[in-house]
Amino acid sequence: MGVDEKSFEAVIILGHGSRVPDAGKDMARVAQRLREKYGYPLVEVCNMSRLGPHFPEIFEKVVKLGATRVLVVPYFLHSGIHLLLDIPEMLKEEAQKFPGVSVQMGRSFGFDEHLVDLLRERIEETKTLSDVRQLVLPPKEKYPVPEGQCEFVPMSPDEAAKYRA
């Protein structure tokens, strides 16, 4: 997609990433709707980790398309370690490669009254769904955990209490 010469601003929606192919397809649909509904000419999506595309390649792409200002919006709900450290560190590191480009990191979803309304919609639609015992799940082998990584980081309640203090 080309960018008209007046448009130097790019939006990058940054998700977590997953080992499930197409896990970010809804995020891509949001990007498409931002282009259609609000006229943002250059909106890209990427992931922080796991399957790509990843931030460094998408950042370089929008800069090569002429972006001199890049607005990065984390597609995250909670303000965990990724938002406190991992993402800002990654953005700062990549920004050093393009000193003439402004990079701004927006807020994550966090609390927003719109989320209250959306959750109410989800509650009401959930009432119409089947019991979870009737779900047919794909085999875990279809989504292998990369070597050296774990599926999730287990933490005992006692250990978690140390971080809450």
N, C-alpha and C. Protein backbone atom coordinates (compact mmCIF):
# COMPACT_ATOMS: atom_id res chain seq x y z
N MET A 1 0.84 -1.18 0.00
CA MET A 1 0.00 0.00 0.00
C MET A 1 0.88 1.23 0.00
N GLY A 2 0.67 2.15 -0.91
CA GLY A 2 1.41 3.39 -0.95
C GLY A 2 0.81 4.42 -0.01
N VAL A 3 1.59 5.43 0.30
CA VAL A 3 1.14 6.48 1.20
C VAL A 3 1.23 7.78 0.44
N ASP A 4 0.18 8.61 0.52
CA ASP A 4 0.25 9.87 -0.21
C ASP A 4 1.30 10.75 0.44
N GLU A 5 1.89 11.66 -0.38
CA GLU A 5 3.06 12.39 0.09
C GLU A 5 2.79 13.29 1.28
N LYS A 6 1.56 13.69 1.55
CA LYS A 6 1.24 14.52 2.71
C LYS A 6 1.18 13.70 3.99
N SER A 7 0.98 12.41 3.88
CA SER A 7 0.79 11.57 5.05
C SER A 7 2.11 10.99 5.53
N PHE A 8 2.53 11.44 6.71
CA PHE A 8 3.79 10.95 7.25
C PHE A 8 3.58 10.25 8.59
N GLU A 9 2.34 10.06 8.98
CA GLU A 9 2.03 9.43 10.25
C GLU A 9 1.59 8.00 10.02
N ALA A 10 2.14 7.10 10.83
CA ALA A 10 1.75 5.70 10.76
C ALA A 10 1.25 5.28 12.13
N VAL A 11 0.31 4.35 12.14
CA VAL A 11 -0.18 3.74 13.37
C VAL A 11 0.22 2.28 13.32
N ILE A 12 0.82 1.82 14.41
CA ILE A 12 1.16 0.40 14.53
C ILE A 12 0.41 -0.13 15.75
N ILE A 13 -0.41 -1.13 15.51
CA ILE A 13 -1.13 -1.81 16.60
C ILE A 13 -0.27 -3.01 16.98
N LEU A 14 0.17 -3.02 18.24
CA LEU A 14 1.11 -4.02 18.71
C LEU A 14 0.44 -5.01 19.65
N GLY A 15 0.34 -6.26 19.20
CA GLY A 15 -0.24 -7.31 20.02
C GLY A 15 0.82 -8.15 20.69
N HIS A 16 0.39 -9.07 21.51
CA HIS A 16 1.32 -9.93 22.23
C HIS A 16 1.98 -10.95 21.31
N GLY A 17 1.18 -11.62 20.50
CA GLY A 17 1.69 -12.69 19.65
C GLY A 17 1.26 -14.03 20.22
N SER A 18 1.25 -15.02 19.37
CA SER A 18 0.79 -16.35 19.75
C SER A 18 1.48 -17.37 18.88
N ARG A 19 1.48 -18.61 19.32
CA ARG A 19 2.00 -19.69 18.47
C ARG A 19 0.88 -20.26 17.60
N VAL A 20 -0.32 -19.72 17.72
CA VAL A 20 -1.46 -20.14 16.91
C VAL A 20 -1.51 -19.25 15.66
N PRO A 21 -1.34 -19.83 14.48
CA PRO A 21 -1.43 -19.03 13.26
C PRO A 21 -2.77 -18.29 13.20
N ASP A 22 -2.75 -17.08 12.72
CA ASP A 22 -3.94 -16.24 12.56
C ASP A 22 -4.60 -15.84 13.87
N ALA A 23 -3.89 -15.98 15.00
CA ALA A 23 -4.47 -15.56 16.28
C ALA A 23 -4.74 -14.05 16.28
N GLY A 24 -3.99 -13.29 15.50
CA GLY A 24 -4.16 -11.84 15.45
C GLY A 24 -5.08 -11.35 14.35
N LYS A 25 -5.90 -12.24 13.79
CA LYS A 25 -6.74 -11.82 12.66
C LYS A 25 -7.76 -10.75 13.06
N ASP A 26 -8.24 -10.79 14.30
CA ASP A 26 -9.19 -9.75 14.72
C ASP A 26 -8.49 -8.40 14.85
N MET A 27 -7.24 -8.41 15.29
CA MET A 27 -6.47 -7.18 15.38
C MET A 27 -6.28 -6.60 13.98
N ALA A 28 -6.05 -7.46 13.00
CA ALA A 28 -5.91 -7.00 11.61
C ALA A 28 -7.23 -6.42 11.10
N ARG A 29 -8.33 -7.00 11.52
CA ARG A 29 -9.64 -6.47 11.13
C ARG A 29 -9.87 -5.09 11.74
N VAL A 30 -9.42 -4.90 12.97
CA VAL A 30 -9.52 -3.58 13.62
C VAL A 30 -8.70 -2.57 12.82
N ALA A 31 -7.50 -2.94 12.40
CA ALA A 31 -6.66 -2.04 11.61
C ALA A 31 -7.36 -1.66 10.30
N GLN A 32 -7.95 -2.63 9.65
CA GLN A 32 -8.67 -2.37 8.40
C GLN A 32 -9.83 -1.40 8.64
N ARG A 33 -10.57 -1.61 9.72
CA ARG A 33 -11.70 -0.72 10.03
C ARG A 33 -11.22 0.70 10.37
N LEU A 34 -10.06 0.83 11.00
CA LEU A 34 -9.51 2.17 11.26
C LEU A 34 -9.21 2.90 9.96
N ARG A 35 -8.69 2.15 8.98
CA ARG A 35 -8.43 2.76 7.67
C ARG A 35 -9.74 3.16 7.00
N GLU A 36 -10.72 2.26 7.02
CA GLU A 36 -12.00 2.51 6.34
C GLU A 36 -12.84 3.57 7.04
N LYS A 37 -13.01 3.43 8.33
CA LYS A 37 -13.95 4.27 9.08
C LYS A 37 -13.41 5.65 9.39
N TYR A 38 -12.10 5.72 9.69
CA TYR A 38 -11.53 7.00 10.13
C TYR A 38 -10.49 7.57 9.18
N GLY A 39 -10.17 6.86 8.12
CA GLY A 39 -9.28 7.39 7.10
C GLY A 39 -7.81 7.41 7.44
N TYR A 40 -7.39 6.66 8.46
CA TYR A 40 -5.95 6.57 8.71
C TYR A 40 -5.33 5.83 7.53
N PRO A 41 -4.41 6.47 6.82
CA PRO A 41 -3.90 5.83 5.61
C PRO A 41 -2.91 4.70 5.85
N LEU A 42 -2.19 4.74 6.97
CA LEU A 42 -1.16 3.74 7.19
C LEU A 42 -1.32 3.16 8.60
N VAL A 43 -1.99 2.01 8.66
CA VAL A 43 -2.20 1.30 9.92
C VAL A 43 -1.70 -0.12 9.71
N GLU A 44 -0.76 -0.52 10.54
CA GLU A 44 -0.17 -1.86 10.45
C GLU A 44 -0.35 -2.56 11.79
N VAL A 45 -0.27 -3.87 11.75
CA VAL A 45 -0.31 -4.66 12.99
C VAL A 45 0.95 -5.50 13.09
N CYS A 46 1.34 -5.79 14.32
CA CYS A 46 2.50 -6.65 14.53
C CYS A 46 2.39 -7.26 15.92
N ASN A 47 3.32 -8.16 16.21
CA ASN A 47 3.35 -8.84 17.49
C ASN A 47 4.66 -8.56 18.20
N MET A 48 4.58 -8.60 19.52
CA MET A 48 5.75 -8.43 20.35
C MET A 48 6.62 -9.70 20.30
N SER A 49 5.98 -10.85 20.26
CA SER A 49 6.72 -12.12 20.28
C SER A 49 5.95 -13.19 19.53
N ARG A 50 6.47 -14.41 19.61
CA ARG A 50 5.90 -15.58 18.95
C ARG A 50 5.85 -15.38 17.44
N LEU A 51 4.71 -15.73 16.81
CA LEU A 51 4.63 -15.60 15.36
C LEU A 51 4.55 -14.13 14.97
N GLY A 52 5.11 -13.80 13.85
CA GLY A 52 5.14 -12.42 13.37
C GLY A 52 3.91 -12.05 12.60
N PRO A 53 3.98 -10.87 11.99
CA PRO A 53 5.15 -10.02 11.89
C PRO A 53 5.47 -9.36 13.24
N HIS A 54 6.74 -9.00 13.41
CA HIS A 54 7.19 -8.41 14.65
C HIS A 54 7.44 -6.91 14.48
N PHE A 55 7.50 -6.22 15.60
CA PHE A 55 7.65 -4.76 15.57
C PHE A 55 8.82 -4.27 14.73
N PRO A 56 10.04 -4.80 14.88
CA PRO A 56 11.14 -4.24 14.09
C PRO A 56 10.88 -4.22 12.58
N GLU A 57 10.31 -5.29 12.05
CA GLU A 57 10.09 -5.32 10.59
C GLU A 57 8.96 -4.38 10.17
N ILE A 58 7.91 -4.27 10.98
CA ILE A 58 6.81 -3.38 10.62
C ILE A 58 7.21 -1.92 10.80
N PHE A 59 7.98 -1.63 11.84
CA PHE A 59 8.49 -0.28 12.05
C PHE A 59 9.35 0.15 10.85
N GLU A 60 10.27 -0.71 10.44
CA GLU A 60 11.11 -0.39 9.29
C GLU A 60 10.25 -0.21 8.02
N LYS A 61 9.22 -1.03 7.88
CA LYS A 61 8.34 -0.93 6.72
C LYS A 61 7.66 0.44 6.64
N VAL A 62 7.09 0.90 7.76
CA VAL A 62 6.37 2.18 7.71
C VAL A 62 7.33 3.35 7.53
N VAL A 63 8.55 3.24 8.06
CA VAL A 63 9.54 4.29 7.86
C VAL A 63 9.92 4.35 6.38
N LYS A 64 10.11 3.18 5.76
CA LYS A 64 10.45 3.15 4.33
C LYS A 64 9.31 3.69 3.47
N LEU A 65 8.07 3.60 3.99
CA LEU A 65 6.92 4.16 3.27
C LEU A 65 6.79 5.66 3.50
N GLY A 66 7.66 6.23 4.32
CA GLY A 66 7.68 7.67 4.51
C GLY A 66 7.19 8.19 5.84
N ALA A 67 6.86 7.31 6.77
CA ALA A 67 6.38 7.77 8.08
C ALA A 67 7.51 8.47 8.83
N THR A 68 7.21 9.66 9.34
CA THR A 68 8.16 10.38 10.19
C THR A 68 7.65 10.45 11.63
N ARG A 69 6.44 10.00 11.82
CA ARG A 69 5.84 9.91 13.16
C ARG A 69 5.11 8.58 13.23
N VAL A 70 5.46 7.78 14.24
CA VAL A 70 4.85 6.46 14.38
C VAL A 70 4.18 6.38 15.74
N LEU A 71 2.88 6.10 15.70
CA LEU A 71 2.08 5.97 16.92
C LEU A 71 1.87 4.48 17.17
N VAL A 72 2.41 3.99 18.28
CA VAL A 72 2.31 2.57 18.60
C VAL A 72 1.28 2.42 19.70
N VAL A 73 0.23 1.65 19.40
CA VAL A 73 -0.83 1.43 20.37
C VAL A 73 -0.82 -0.05 20.79
N PRO A 74 -0.49 -0.32 22.06
CA PRO A 74 -0.49 -1.71 22.52
C PRO A 74 -1.90 -2.28 22.57
N TYR A 75 -2.08 -3.43 21.93
CA TYR A 75 -3.37 -4.13 21.91
C TYR A 75 -3.38 -5.09 23.09
N PHE A 76 -3.31 -4.51 24.28
CA PHE A 76 -3.20 -5.26 25.54
C PHE A 76 -4.29 -4.77 26.48
N LEU A 77 -4.70 -5.62 27.38
CA LEU A 77 -5.72 -5.25 28.35
C LEU A 77 -5.13 -4.83 29.69
N HIS A 78 -4.18 -5.59 30.21
CA HIS A 78 -3.64 -5.34 31.54
C HIS A 78 -2.26 -4.70 31.48
N SER A 79 -1.92 -3.92 32.50
CA SER A 79 -0.64 -3.21 32.56
C SER A 79 0.42 -4.07 33.25
N GLY A 80 0.83 -5.13 32.61
CA GLY A 80 1.83 -6.03 33.18
C GLY A 80 3.24 -5.65 32.75
N ILE A 81 4.15 -6.59 32.92
CA ILE A 81 5.57 -6.34 32.67
C ILE A 81 5.85 -5.99 31.20
N HIS A 82 5.04 -6.52 30.29
CA HIS A 82 5.26 -6.18 28.87
C HIS A 82 5.05 -4.69 28.65
N LEU A 83 4.02 -4.12 29.25
CA LEU A 83 3.75 -2.69 29.07
C LEU A 83 4.67 -1.81 29.90
N LEU A 84 5.09 -2.31 31.06
CA LEU A 84 5.98 -1.52 31.91
C LEU A 84 7.41 -1.48 31.38
N LEU A 85 7.91 -2.61 30.90
CA LEU A 85 9.32 -2.68 30.51
C LEU A 85 9.56 -3.23 29.10
N ASP A 86 9.03 -4.41 28.80
CA ASP A 86 9.40 -5.09 27.57
C ASP A 86 9.13 -4.27 26.32
N ILE A 87 7.92 -3.76 26.20
CA ILE A 87 7.56 -3.00 24.99
C ILE A 87 8.30 -1.66 24.93
N PRO A 88 8.31 -0.86 26.00
CA PRO A 88 9.06 0.40 25.91
C PRO A 88 10.54 0.19 25.57
N GLU A 89 11.16 -0.84 26.15
CA GLU A 89 12.56 -1.12 25.83
C GLU A 89 12.72 -1.46 24.34
N MET A 90 11.81 -2.29 23.81
CA MET A 90 11.88 -2.68 22.42
C MET A 90 11.69 -1.45 21.51
N LEU A 91 10.73 -0.61 21.84
CA LEU A 91 10.48 0.58 21.02
C LEU A 91 11.67 1.53 21.05
N LYS A 92 12.25 1.74 22.24
CA LYS A 92 13.42 2.62 22.35
C LYS A 92 14.58 2.09 21.53
N GLU A 93 14.80 0.78 21.61
CA GLU A 93 15.90 0.17 20.85
C GLU A 93 15.71 0.36 19.35
N GLU A 94 14.51 0.10 18.87
CA GLU A 94 14.25 0.24 17.43
C GLU A 94 14.26 1.70 16.99
N ALA A 95 13.78 2.60 17.85
CA ALA A 95 13.75 4.03 17.52
C ALA A 95 15.16 4.58 17.30
N GLN A 96 16.14 4.01 17.99
CA GLN A 96 17.53 4.46 17.83
C GLN A 96 18.01 4.28 16.39
N LYS A 97 17.44 3.34 15.68
CA LYS A 97 17.86 3.05 14.31
C LYS A 97 17.37 4.09 13.31
N PHE A 98 16.35 4.87 13.72
CA PHE A 98 15.77 5.87 12.83
C PHE A 98 15.61 7.18 13.61
N PRO A 99 16.71 7.91 13.83
CA PRO A 99 16.66 9.10 14.69
C PRO A 99 15.73 10.20 14.18
N GLY A 100 15.42 10.24 12.92
CA GLY A 100 14.54 11.28 12.38
C GLY A 100 13.06 10.95 12.50
N VAL A 101 12.73 9.82 13.12
CA VAL A 101 11.34 9.39 13.22
C VAL A 101 10.90 9.47 14.68
N SER A 102 9.80 10.16 14.90
CA SER A 102 9.21 10.24 16.23
C SER A 102 8.42 8.96 16.49
N VAL A 103 8.63 8.35 17.66
CA VAL A 103 7.92 7.13 18.03
C VAL A 103 7.22 7.40 19.36
N GLN A 104 5.91 7.25 19.37
CA GLN A 104 5.13 7.49 20.57
C GLN A 104 4.35 6.23 20.93
N MET A 105 4.39 5.88 22.21
CA MET A 105 3.67 4.69 22.68
C MET A 105 2.41 5.14 23.39
N GLY A 106 1.28 4.65 22.90
CA GLY A 106 0.00 4.99 23.50
C GLY A 106 -0.33 4.09 24.68
N ARG A 107 -1.48 4.34 25.26
CA ARG A 107 -1.97 3.54 26.39
C ARG A 107 -2.57 2.24 25.86
N SER A 108 -2.57 1.25 26.72
CA SER A 108 -3.26 0.00 26.41
C SER A 108 -4.75 0.20 26.69
N PHE A 109 -5.53 -0.84 26.56
CA PHE A 109 -6.96 -0.70 26.80
C PHE A 109 -7.28 -0.41 28.25
N GLY A 110 -6.65 -1.12 29.18
CA GLY A 110 -6.87 -0.85 30.59
C GLY A 110 -8.35 -0.74 30.92
N PHE A 111 -8.71 0.25 31.74
CA PHE A 111 -10.12 0.49 32.01
C PHE A 111 -10.64 1.53 31.04
N ASP A 112 -11.79 1.25 30.48
CA ASP A 112 -12.49 2.20 29.62
C ASP A 112 -13.97 1.84 29.70
N GLU A 113 -14.80 2.84 29.80
CA GLU A 113 -16.24 2.61 29.90
C GLU A 113 -16.77 1.81 28.71
N HIS A 114 -16.15 1.96 27.55
CA HIS A 114 -16.55 1.17 26.38
C HIS A 114 -16.37 -0.32 26.64
N LEU A 115 -15.34 -0.67 27.41
CA LEU A 115 -15.12 -2.09 27.72
C LEU A 115 -16.22 -2.64 28.62
N VAL A 116 -16.77 -1.80 29.47
CA VAL A 116 -17.88 -2.23 30.32
C VAL A 116 -19.07 -2.62 29.44
N ASP A 117 -19.35 -1.77 28.45
CA ASP A 117 -20.46 -2.05 27.54
C ASP A 117 -20.19 -3.29 26.70
N LEU A 118 -18.96 -3.42 26.22
CA LEU A 118 -18.61 -4.59 25.42
C LEU A 118 -18.72 -5.86 26.26
N LEU A 119 -18.25 -5.81 27.49
CA LEU A 119 -18.34 -6.99 28.35
C LEU A 119 -19.79 -7.36 28.63
N ARG A 120 -20.64 -6.38 28.80
CA ARG A 120 -22.06 -6.67 28.98
C ARG A 120 -22.61 -7.42 27.77
N GLU A 121 -22.23 -6.98 26.57
CA GLU A 121 -22.66 -7.69 25.36
C GLU A 121 -22.18 -9.14 25.38
N ARG A 122 -20.92 -9.33 25.77
CA ARG A 122 -20.37 -10.69 25.82
C ARG A 122 -21.08 -11.53 26.87
N ILE A 123 -21.44 -10.95 28.00
CA ILE A 123 -22.18 -11.68 29.04
C ILE A 123 -23.52 -12.15 28.50
N GLU A 124 -24.22 -11.26 27.83
CA GLU A 124 -25.54 -11.62 27.30
C GLU A 124 -25.45 -12.68 26.22
N GLU A 125 -24.46 -12.59 25.33
CA GLU A 125 -24.33 -13.62 24.29
C GLU A 125 -23.87 -14.95 24.88
N THR A 126 -23.08 -14.91 25.95
CA THR A 126 -22.62 -16.14 26.59
C THR A 126 -23.78 -16.96 27.14
N LYS A 127 -24.82 -16.28 27.55
CA LYS A 127 -26.00 -16.98 28.08
C LYS A 127 -26.62 -17.93 27.05
N THR A 128 -26.36 -17.69 25.77
CA THR A 128 -26.95 -18.51 24.71
C THR A 128 -26.05 -19.67 24.27
N LEU A 129 -24.86 -19.78 24.83
CA LEU A 129 -23.90 -20.78 24.39
C LEU A 129 -24.03 -22.09 25.18
N SER A 130 -23.44 -23.13 24.63
CA SER A 130 -23.47 -24.45 25.25
C SER A 130 -22.52 -24.53 26.44
N ASP A 131 -22.72 -25.53 27.26
CA ASP A 131 -21.85 -25.82 28.38
C ASP A 131 -20.46 -26.20 27.86
N VAL A 132 -19.41 -25.82 28.57
CA VAL A 132 -18.04 -26.07 28.11
C VAL A 132 -17.73 -27.56 27.95
N ARG A 133 -18.42 -28.40 28.65
CA ARG A 133 -18.17 -29.84 28.51
C ARG A 133 -18.48 -30.33 27.09
N GLN A 134 -19.20 -29.56 26.33
CA GLN A 134 -19.54 -29.95 24.96
C GLN A 134 -18.54 -29.41 23.92
N LEU A 135 -17.56 -28.65 24.36
CA LEU A 135 -16.57 -28.11 23.44
C LEU A 135 -15.67 -29.22 22.89
N VAL A 136 -15.35 -29.14 21.62
CA VAL A 136 -14.40 -30.04 20.99
C VAL A 136 -13.12 -29.23 20.78
N LEU A 137 -12.05 -29.64 21.43
CA LEU A 137 -10.80 -28.90 21.39
C LEU A 137 -9.84 -29.49 20.38
N PRO A 138 -9.02 -28.63 19.75
CA PRO A 138 -7.99 -29.15 18.84
C PRO A 138 -6.89 -29.83 19.65
N PRO A 139 -6.14 -30.73 19.05
CA PRO A 139 -5.05 -31.37 19.78
C PRO A 139 -3.93 -30.36 20.10
N LYS A 140 -3.39 -30.43 21.32
CA LYS A 140 -2.33 -29.51 21.73
C LYS A 140 -1.11 -29.61 20.83
N GLU A 141 -0.87 -30.80 20.27
CA GLU A 141 0.28 -31.01 19.40
C GLU A 141 0.24 -30.12 18.16
N LYS A 142 -0.92 -29.64 17.83
CA LYS A 142 -1.06 -28.76 16.67
C LYS A 142 -0.37 -27.41 16.90
N TYR A 143 -0.18 -27.04 18.17
CA TYR A 143 0.41 -25.75 18.55
C TYR A 143 1.57 -25.97 19.50
N PRO A 144 2.69 -26.50 18.99
CA PRO A 144 3.80 -26.85 19.88
C PRO A 144 4.43 -25.63 20.54
N VAL A 145 4.93 -25.84 21.74
CA VAL A 145 5.66 -24.81 22.46
C VAL A 145 7.10 -24.85 21.96
N PRO A 146 7.65 -23.70 21.53
CA PRO A 146 9.03 -23.70 21.05
C PRO A 146 10.00 -24.21 22.11
N GLU A 147 11.06 -24.87 21.66
CA GLU A 147 12.06 -25.43 22.58
C GLU A 147 12.62 -24.33 23.47
N GLY A 148 12.76 -24.64 24.74
CA GLY A 148 13.31 -23.69 25.69
C GLY A 148 12.28 -22.74 26.28
N GLN A 149 11.04 -22.83 25.83
CA GLN A 149 9.99 -21.97 26.36
C GLN A 149 8.96 -22.83 27.07
N CYS A 150 8.15 -22.16 27.87
CA CYS A 150 7.08 -22.91 28.53
C CYS A 150 5.74 -22.32 28.10
N GLU A 151 4.71 -23.10 28.29
CA GLU A 151 3.37 -22.68 27.87
C GLU A 151 2.90 -21.48 28.67
N PHE A 152 3.19 -21.48 29.95
CA PHE A 152 2.87 -20.35 30.81
C PHE A 152 3.86 -20.38 31.96
N VAL A 153 3.95 -19.29 32.67
CA VAL A 153 4.88 -19.21 33.79
C VAL A 153 4.11 -19.48 35.07
N PRO A 154 4.31 -20.65 35.66
CA PRO A 154 3.59 -20.96 36.90
C PRO A 154 4.17 -20.16 38.07
N MET A 155 3.29 -19.76 38.99
CA MET A 155 3.72 -19.06 40.17
C MET A 155 2.78 -19.42 41.30
N SER A 156 3.36 -19.83 42.41
CA SER A 156 2.53 -20.20 43.56
C SER A 156 1.90 -18.95 44.17
N PRO A 157 0.78 -19.09 44.87
CA PRO A 157 0.17 -17.93 45.53
C PRO A 157 1.12 -17.24 46.51
N ASP A 158 1.95 -18.03 47.21
CA ASP A 158 2.91 -17.43 48.15
C ASP A 158 3.94 -16.57 47.42
N GLU A 159 4.43 -17.09 46.30
CA GLU A 159 5.40 -16.31 45.53
C GLU A 159 4.76 -15.06 44.93
N ALA A 160 3.54 -15.18 44.43
CA ALA A 160 2.83 -14.02 43.88
C ALA A 160 2.61 -12.95 44.93
N ALA A 161 2.38 -13.36 46.17
CA ALA A 161 2.16 -12.40 47.26
C ALA A 161 3.36 -11.48 47.46
N LYS A 162 4.57 -11.97 47.20
CA LYS A 162 5.78 -11.15 47.33
C LYS A 162 5.72 -9.95 46.39
N TYR A 163 5.14 -10.13 45.20
CA TYR A 163 5.10 -9.07 44.21
C TYR A 163 3.97 -8.07 44.48
N ARG A 164 2.99 -8.49 45.22
CA ARG A 164 1.88 -7.61 45.53
C ARG A 164 2.23 -6.63 46.65
N ALA A 165 3.23 -6.97 47.44
CA ALA A 165 3.59 -6.15 48.60
C ALA A 165 4.25 -4.84 48.18
